[in-house]
């Protein structure tokens, strides 16, 4: 199921319950952040190793899955309310990030784009750039 079909199913679910009245853009953004905080809460007071092992247990994997789903569902509602095509927005953002983070200067670096050394221009993405290419 693609994002459009999932959004349609979500809107139908919402309409059956008369919840659109509660779904102002502001309320949806607040709810997204609350759900993201619940996702974050799964990592509270845990070491990196414990967080990495969250999906090892069925119970914590289900909690992680549910919180990820809640975040996605609210994001879909926000995008629908704001008239944003998430697939197109994600592709555009990926292209923007490819320009901001050229492989030659960002490979292996956690620096923000404005803290990277100048790029020599040798690995700029082309207009038809659609996906990142994994490094060997």
N, C-alpha and C. Protein backbone atom coordinates (compact mmCIF):
# COMPACT_ATOMS: atom_id res chain seq x y z
N UNK A 1 0.85 -1.18 0.00
CA UNK A 1 0.00 0.00 0.00
C UNK A 1 0.89 1.24 0.00
N UNK A 2 0.63 2.16 -0.89
CA UNK A 2 1.39 3.40 -0.98
C UNK A 2 0.87 4.45 -0.01
N UNK A 3 1.56 5.58 0.04
CA UNK A 3 1.16 6.65 0.95
C UNK A 3 -0.22 7.20 0.63
N UNK A 4 -0.53 7.33 -0.65
CA UNK A 4 -1.85 7.87 -1.03
C UNK A 4 -2.97 6.95 -0.55
N UNK A 5 -2.81 5.66 -0.75
CA UNK A 5 -3.84 4.71 -0.32
C UNK A 5 -3.94 4.67 1.21
N UNK A 6 -2.80 4.74 1.86
CA UNK A 6 -2.80 4.74 3.33
C UNK A 6 -3.47 6.01 3.86
N UNK A 7 -3.19 7.15 3.23
CA UNK A 7 -3.83 8.40 3.63
C UNK A 7 -5.34 8.32 3.44
N UNK A 8 -5.78 7.78 2.32
CA UNK A 8 -7.22 7.63 2.07
C UNK A 8 -7.87 6.74 3.13
N UNK A 9 -7.21 5.66 3.49
CA UNK A 9 -7.74 4.77 4.52
C UNK A 9 -7.80 5.49 5.87
N UNK A 10 -6.79 6.28 6.16
CA UNK A 10 -6.74 7.04 7.41
C UNK A 10 -7.84 8.10 7.45
N UNK A 11 -8.05 8.80 6.35
CA UNK A 11 -9.11 9.81 6.28
C UNK A 11 -10.47 9.15 6.47
N UNK A 12 -10.67 8.00 5.86
CA UNK A 12 -11.92 7.27 6.03
C UNK A 12 -12.13 6.88 7.50
N UNK A 13 -11.09 6.39 8.13
CA UNK A 13 -11.13 6.04 9.56
C UNK A 13 -11.54 7.27 10.38
N UNK A 14 -10.90 8.41 10.07
CA UNK A 14 -11.19 9.65 10.80
C UNK A 14 -12.63 10.10 10.57
N UNK A 15 -13.08 10.06 9.32
CA UNK A 15 -14.43 10.52 9.00
C UNK A 15 -15.49 9.66 9.67
N UNK A 16 -15.27 8.35 9.75
CA UNK A 16 -16.23 7.45 10.40
C UNK A 16 -16.43 7.82 11.87
N UNK A 17 -15.45 8.47 12.46
CA UNK A 17 -15.50 8.82 13.88
C UNK A 17 -15.77 10.30 14.13
N UNK A 18 -15.95 11.07 13.06
CA UNK A 18 -16.19 12.50 13.17
C UNK A 18 -15.07 13.20 13.94
N UNK A 19 -13.84 12.85 13.64
CA UNK A 19 -12.69 13.44 14.33
C UNK A 19 -12.06 14.60 13.57
N UNK A 20 -12.47 14.86 12.34
CA UNK A 20 -11.87 15.95 11.57
C UNK A 20 -11.99 17.27 12.32
N UNK A 21 -13.05 17.42 13.11
CA UNK A 21 -13.25 18.65 13.87
C UNK A 21 -12.11 18.93 14.85
N UNK A 22 -11.37 17.91 15.22
CA UNK A 22 -10.25 18.07 16.16
C UNK A 22 -8.91 18.20 15.46
N UNK A 23 -8.93 18.06 14.14
CA UNK A 23 -7.68 17.96 13.38
C UNK A 23 -7.29 19.24 12.67
N UNK A 24 -7.21 20.32 13.42
CA UNK A 24 -6.64 21.54 12.84
C UNK A 24 -5.16 21.27 12.60
N UNK A 25 -4.57 22.06 11.73
CA UNK A 25 -3.15 21.87 11.45
C UNK A 25 -2.33 21.98 12.74
N UNK A 26 -2.65 22.95 13.56
CA UNK A 26 -1.94 23.13 14.84
C UNK A 26 -2.06 21.89 15.72
N UNK A 27 -3.30 21.39 15.88
CA UNK A 27 -3.51 20.21 16.73
C UNK A 27 -2.78 18.99 16.20
N UNK A 28 -2.75 18.84 14.89
CA UNK A 28 -2.05 17.70 14.30
C UNK A 28 -0.55 17.79 14.52
N UNK A 29 0.01 18.99 14.40
CA UNK A 29 1.44 19.17 14.63
C UNK A 29 1.79 18.91 16.09
N UNK A 30 0.96 19.39 16.99
CA UNK A 30 1.17 19.11 18.42
C UNK A 30 1.11 17.60 18.66
N UNK A 31 0.10 16.95 18.09
CA UNK A 31 -0.05 15.50 18.29
C UNK A 31 1.12 14.72 17.72
N UNK A 32 1.63 15.15 16.58
CA UNK A 32 2.82 14.50 16.00
C UNK A 32 3.97 14.56 16.97
N UNK A 33 4.17 15.73 17.57
CA UNK A 33 5.28 15.87 18.51
C UNK A 33 5.08 15.07 19.78
N UNK A 34 3.86 14.94 20.23
CA UNK A 34 3.58 14.10 21.40
C UNK A 34 3.88 12.64 21.08
N UNK A 35 3.50 12.20 19.90
CA UNK A 35 3.79 10.82 19.51
C UNK A 35 5.30 10.60 19.32
N UNK A 36 5.99 11.59 18.76
CA UNK A 36 7.44 11.49 18.63
C UNK A 36 8.10 11.41 20.00
N UNK A 37 7.54 12.12 20.97
CA UNK A 37 8.07 12.05 22.33
C UNK A 37 7.85 10.66 22.93
N UNK A 38 6.72 10.02 22.60
CA UNK A 38 6.49 8.66 23.07
C UNK A 38 7.48 7.69 22.44
N UNK A 39 7.83 7.93 21.19
CA UNK A 39 8.87 7.13 20.54
C UNK A 39 10.21 7.34 21.25
N UNK A 40 10.51 8.58 21.53
CA UNK A 40 11.75 8.91 22.24
C UNK A 40 11.78 8.30 23.63
N UNK A 41 10.63 8.26 24.28
CA UNK A 41 10.56 7.71 25.63
C UNK A 41 11.02 6.26 25.70
N UNK A 42 10.86 5.53 24.59
CA UNK A 42 11.32 4.14 24.57
C UNK A 42 12.83 4.03 24.77
N UNK A 43 13.54 5.11 24.53
CA UNK A 43 15.00 5.10 24.66
C UNK A 43 15.49 5.74 25.96
N UNK A 44 14.57 6.30 26.72
CA UNK A 44 14.98 7.02 27.94
C UNK A 44 15.72 6.12 28.92
N UNK A 45 16.85 6.61 29.39
CA UNK A 45 17.70 5.96 30.39
C UNK A 45 18.34 4.67 29.87
N UNK A 46 18.36 4.48 28.60
CA UNK A 46 18.96 3.28 28.04
C UNK A 46 20.30 3.62 27.38
N UNK A 47 21.20 2.67 27.41
CA UNK A 47 22.49 2.83 26.73
C UNK A 47 22.28 2.66 25.23
N UNK A 48 23.28 3.01 24.45
CA UNK A 48 23.20 2.81 23.00
C UNK A 48 22.97 1.34 22.67
N UNK A 49 23.61 0.45 23.42
CA UNK A 49 23.44 -0.98 23.17
C UNK A 49 22.01 -1.43 23.48
N UNK A 50 21.43 -0.91 24.55
CA UNK A 50 20.06 -1.27 24.90
C UNK A 50 19.07 -0.74 23.84
N UNK A 51 19.33 0.45 23.34
CA UNK A 51 18.47 1.01 22.29
C UNK A 51 18.59 0.18 21.02
N UNK A 52 19.80 -0.19 20.67
CA UNK A 52 20.02 -1.00 19.48
C UNK A 52 19.31 -2.35 19.58
N UNK A 53 19.13 -2.84 20.80
CA UNK A 53 18.50 -4.14 21.01
C UNK A 53 16.98 -4.04 21.21
N UNK A 54 16.40 -2.86 21.04
CA UNK A 54 14.97 -2.71 21.27
C UNK A 54 14.13 -3.69 20.46
N UNK A 55 14.53 -3.95 19.25
CA UNK A 55 13.71 -4.83 18.41
C UNK A 55 13.96 -6.31 18.67
N UNK A 56 14.84 -6.63 19.62
CA UNK A 56 15.13 -8.03 19.93
C UNK A 56 13.97 -8.71 20.67
N UNK A 57 13.25 -7.94 21.47
CA UNK A 57 12.13 -8.52 22.20
C UNK A 57 10.83 -8.19 21.49
N UNK A 58 9.91 -9.13 21.48
CA UNK A 58 8.63 -8.93 20.79
C UNK A 58 7.85 -7.76 21.38
N UNK A 59 7.87 -7.61 22.69
CA UNK A 59 7.10 -6.55 23.35
C UNK A 59 7.65 -5.17 23.00
N UNK A 60 8.96 -5.01 23.08
CA UNK A 60 9.52 -3.69 22.77
C UNK A 60 9.47 -3.41 21.27
N UNK A 61 9.61 -4.44 20.45
CA UNK A 61 9.48 -4.25 19.00
C UNK A 61 8.07 -3.79 18.66
N UNK A 62 7.06 -4.35 19.32
CA UNK A 62 5.68 -3.92 19.08
C UNK A 62 5.47 -2.48 19.53
N UNK A 63 6.03 -2.11 20.69
CA UNK A 63 5.91 -0.72 21.16
C UNK A 63 6.59 0.23 20.19
N UNK A 64 7.77 -0.15 19.71
CA UNK A 64 8.50 0.66 18.74
C UNK A 64 7.70 0.79 17.45
N UNK A 65 7.15 -0.31 16.99
CA UNK A 65 6.34 -0.33 15.77
C UNK A 65 5.11 0.56 15.91
N UNK A 66 4.42 0.45 17.05
CA UNK A 66 3.22 1.25 17.28
C UNK A 66 3.53 2.74 17.31
N UNK A 67 4.60 3.12 17.98
CA UNK A 67 4.95 4.55 18.06
C UNK A 67 5.39 5.07 16.70
N UNK A 68 6.14 4.29 15.95
CA UNK A 68 6.51 4.70 14.58
C UNK A 68 5.26 4.89 13.73
N UNK A 69 4.31 3.98 13.86
CA UNK A 69 3.07 4.08 13.10
C UNK A 69 2.30 5.33 13.49
N UNK A 70 2.23 5.63 14.79
CA UNK A 70 1.53 6.83 15.23
C UNK A 70 2.15 8.09 14.63
N UNK A 71 3.49 8.14 14.62
CA UNK A 71 4.19 9.29 14.03
C UNK A 71 3.84 9.40 12.54
N UNK A 72 3.90 8.29 11.84
CA UNK A 72 3.60 8.29 10.40
C UNK A 72 2.16 8.73 10.15
N UNK A 73 1.22 8.21 10.91
CA UNK A 73 -0.18 8.55 10.68
C UNK A 73 -0.45 10.03 10.91
N UNK A 74 0.13 10.60 11.96
CA UNK A 74 -0.05 12.04 12.17
C UNK A 74 0.64 12.84 11.07
N UNK A 75 1.78 12.39 10.61
CA UNK A 75 2.46 13.08 9.51
C UNK A 75 1.60 13.05 8.25
N UNK A 76 0.98 11.93 7.97
CA UNK A 76 0.08 11.84 6.82
C UNK A 76 -1.09 12.82 6.95
N UNK A 77 -1.65 12.92 8.15
CA UNK A 77 -2.76 13.86 8.37
C UNK A 77 -2.32 15.31 8.20
N UNK A 78 -1.12 15.62 8.69
CA UNK A 78 -0.58 16.98 8.53
C UNK A 78 -0.40 17.29 7.05
N UNK A 79 0.21 16.38 6.33
CA UNK A 79 0.45 16.60 4.90
C UNK A 79 -0.87 16.75 4.15
N UNK A 80 -1.84 15.93 4.48
CA UNK A 80 -3.15 16.03 3.82
C UNK A 80 -3.79 17.38 4.11
N UNK A 81 -3.74 17.80 5.35
CA UNK A 81 -4.36 19.08 5.74
C UNK A 81 -3.65 20.26 5.07
N UNK A 82 -2.32 20.17 4.93
CA UNK A 82 -1.53 21.26 4.36
C UNK A 82 -1.39 21.18 2.84
N UNK A 83 -1.91 20.12 2.24
CA UNK A 83 -1.82 19.97 0.80
C UNK A 83 -0.41 19.64 0.32
N UNK A 84 0.29 18.85 1.08
CA UNK A 84 1.67 18.48 0.74
C UNK A 84 1.70 17.05 0.24
N UNK A 85 2.33 16.85 -0.90
CA UNK A 85 2.58 15.52 -1.44
C UNK A 85 3.88 15.04 -0.79
N UNK A 86 3.76 14.15 0.18
CA UNK A 86 4.93 13.72 0.95
C UNK A 86 5.98 13.02 0.09
N UNK A 87 5.55 12.21 -0.85
CA UNK A 87 6.53 11.53 -1.71
C UNK A 87 7.33 12.53 -2.52
N UNK A 88 6.66 13.53 -3.08
CA UNK A 88 7.34 14.56 -3.86
C UNK A 88 8.23 15.41 -2.95
N UNK A 89 7.71 15.75 -1.76
CA UNK A 89 8.49 16.55 -0.80
C UNK A 89 9.75 15.81 -0.37
N UNK A 90 9.63 14.51 -0.15
CA UNK A 90 10.80 13.72 0.26
C UNK A 90 11.84 13.65 -0.85
N UNK A 91 11.38 13.47 -2.08
CA UNK A 91 12.32 13.45 -3.21
C UNK A 91 13.02 14.80 -3.35
N UNK A 92 12.27 15.90 -3.23
CA UNK A 92 12.85 17.25 -3.35
C UNK A 92 13.85 17.50 -2.22
N UNK A 93 13.52 17.04 -1.03
CA UNK A 93 14.43 17.24 0.12
C UNK A 93 15.69 16.41 -0.04
N UNK A 94 15.55 15.21 -0.57
CA UNK A 94 16.71 14.37 -0.81
C UNK A 94 17.65 15.04 -1.81
N UNK A 95 17.10 15.61 -2.85
CA UNK A 95 17.91 16.33 -3.83
C UNK A 95 18.59 17.54 -3.19
N UNK A 96 17.84 18.29 -2.41
CA UNK A 96 18.41 19.45 -1.71
C UNK A 96 19.55 19.01 -0.79
N UNK A 97 19.36 17.91 -0.08
CA UNK A 97 20.41 17.41 0.81
C UNK A 97 21.62 16.89 0.04
N UNK A 98 21.38 16.33 -1.15
CA UNK A 98 22.50 15.88 -1.97
C UNK A 98 23.37 17.06 -2.38
N UNK A 99 22.75 18.20 -2.63
CA UNK A 99 23.51 19.40 -2.97
C UNK A 99 24.22 19.94 -1.73
N UNK A 100 23.54 19.95 -0.60
CA UNK A 100 24.12 20.47 0.64
C UNK A 100 25.24 19.58 1.17
N UNK A 101 25.12 18.29 0.94
CA UNK A 101 26.07 17.32 1.49
C UNK A 101 26.73 16.53 0.36
N UNK A 102 27.60 17.16 -0.42
CA UNK A 102 28.27 16.41 -1.49
C UNK A 102 29.12 15.29 -0.90
N UNK A 103 29.16 14.17 -1.59
CA UNK A 103 29.87 13.00 -1.10
C UNK A 103 31.33 13.33 -0.77
N UNK A 104 31.97 14.08 -1.64
CA UNK A 104 33.39 14.37 -1.45
C UNK A 104 33.73 15.10 -0.18
N UNK A 105 32.81 15.90 0.35
CA UNK A 105 33.12 16.65 1.58
C UNK A 105 32.34 16.17 2.79
N UNK A 106 31.29 15.38 2.58
CA UNK A 106 30.48 14.96 3.72
C UNK A 106 30.62 13.49 4.08
N UNK A 107 31.29 12.72 3.24
CA UNK A 107 31.40 11.28 3.48
C UNK A 107 32.06 11.03 4.84
N UNK A 108 31.37 10.31 5.71
CA UNK A 108 31.90 9.96 7.03
C UNK A 108 31.89 11.09 8.03
N UNK A 109 31.31 12.23 7.69
CA UNK A 109 31.31 13.39 8.57
C UNK A 109 29.91 13.63 9.12
N UNK A 110 29.84 14.04 10.38
CA UNK A 110 28.54 14.39 10.98
C UNK A 110 28.33 15.90 11.00
N UNK A 111 29.21 16.63 10.34
CA UNK A 111 29.09 18.09 10.33
C UNK A 111 27.86 18.53 9.55
N UNK A 112 27.28 19.64 10.00
CA UNK A 112 26.17 20.24 9.27
C UNK A 112 26.72 20.86 7.99
N UNK A 113 25.87 20.98 6.97
CA UNK A 113 26.30 21.43 5.64
C UNK A 113 27.06 22.75 5.67
N UNK A 114 26.69 23.66 6.58
CA UNK A 114 27.36 24.95 6.61
C UNK A 114 28.70 24.90 7.35
N UNK A 115 29.08 23.73 7.83
CA UNK A 115 30.37 23.56 8.49
C UNK A 115 31.31 22.66 7.71
N UNK A 116 30.89 22.24 6.53
CA UNK A 116 31.72 21.39 5.68
C UNK A 116 32.73 22.25 4.92
N UNK A 117 33.87 21.67 4.57
CA UNK A 117 34.81 22.42 3.73
C UNK A 117 34.20 22.66 2.35
N UNK A 118 34.71 23.66 1.63
CA UNK A 118 34.17 23.92 0.29
C UNK A 118 34.29 22.69 -0.59
N UNK A 119 33.28 22.52 -1.43
CA UNK A 119 33.23 21.38 -2.34
C UNK A 119 33.92 21.75 -3.65
N UNK A 120 34.60 20.79 -4.25
CA UNK A 120 35.27 21.06 -5.53
C UNK A 120 34.30 20.97 -6.70
N UNK A 121 33.04 20.58 -6.42
CA UNK A 121 32.03 20.52 -7.47
C UNK A 121 32.05 19.24 -8.27
N UNK A 122 32.93 18.31 -7.94
CA UNK A 122 33.08 17.11 -8.74
C UNK A 122 31.98 16.09 -8.59
N UNK A 123 31.19 16.18 -7.53
CA UNK A 123 30.17 15.14 -7.35
C UNK A 123 28.79 15.73 -7.12
N UNK A 124 28.50 16.83 -7.77
CA UNK A 124 27.17 17.43 -7.67
C UNK A 124 26.14 16.50 -8.32
N UNK A 125 24.97 16.37 -7.69
CA UNK A 125 23.94 15.54 -8.31
C UNK A 125 23.42 16.20 -9.58
N UNK A 126 22.96 15.39 -10.48
CA UNK A 126 22.38 15.90 -11.71
C UNK A 126 20.90 16.15 -11.49
N UNK A 127 20.27 16.79 -12.45
CA UNK A 127 18.85 17.10 -12.34
C UNK A 127 18.01 15.84 -12.23
N UNK A 128 18.51 14.71 -12.74
CA UNK A 128 17.72 13.48 -12.68
C UNK A 128 18.08 12.63 -11.46
N UNK A 129 18.81 13.20 -10.51
CA UNK A 129 19.13 12.49 -9.28
C UNK A 129 17.85 12.08 -8.59
N UNK A 130 17.72 10.79 -8.28
CA UNK A 130 16.49 10.32 -7.61
C UNK A 130 16.77 9.54 -6.34
N UNK A 131 17.92 8.88 -6.27
CA UNK A 131 18.22 8.07 -5.09
C UNK A 131 19.70 8.17 -4.78
N UNK A 132 20.05 8.06 -3.49
CA UNK A 132 21.48 8.03 -3.17
C UNK A 132 22.09 6.72 -3.64
N UNK A 133 23.33 6.76 -3.97
CA UNK A 133 24.03 5.56 -4.40
C UNK A 133 24.94 5.10 -3.27
N UNK A 134 24.80 3.85 -2.82
CA UNK A 134 25.63 3.36 -1.70
C UNK A 134 27.10 3.32 -2.12
N UNK A 135 27.93 3.59 -1.15
CA UNK A 135 29.37 3.54 -1.39
C UNK A 135 29.85 2.11 -1.21
N UNK A 136 30.82 1.75 -1.99
CA UNK A 136 31.38 0.39 -1.91
C UNK A 136 32.36 0.30 -0.74
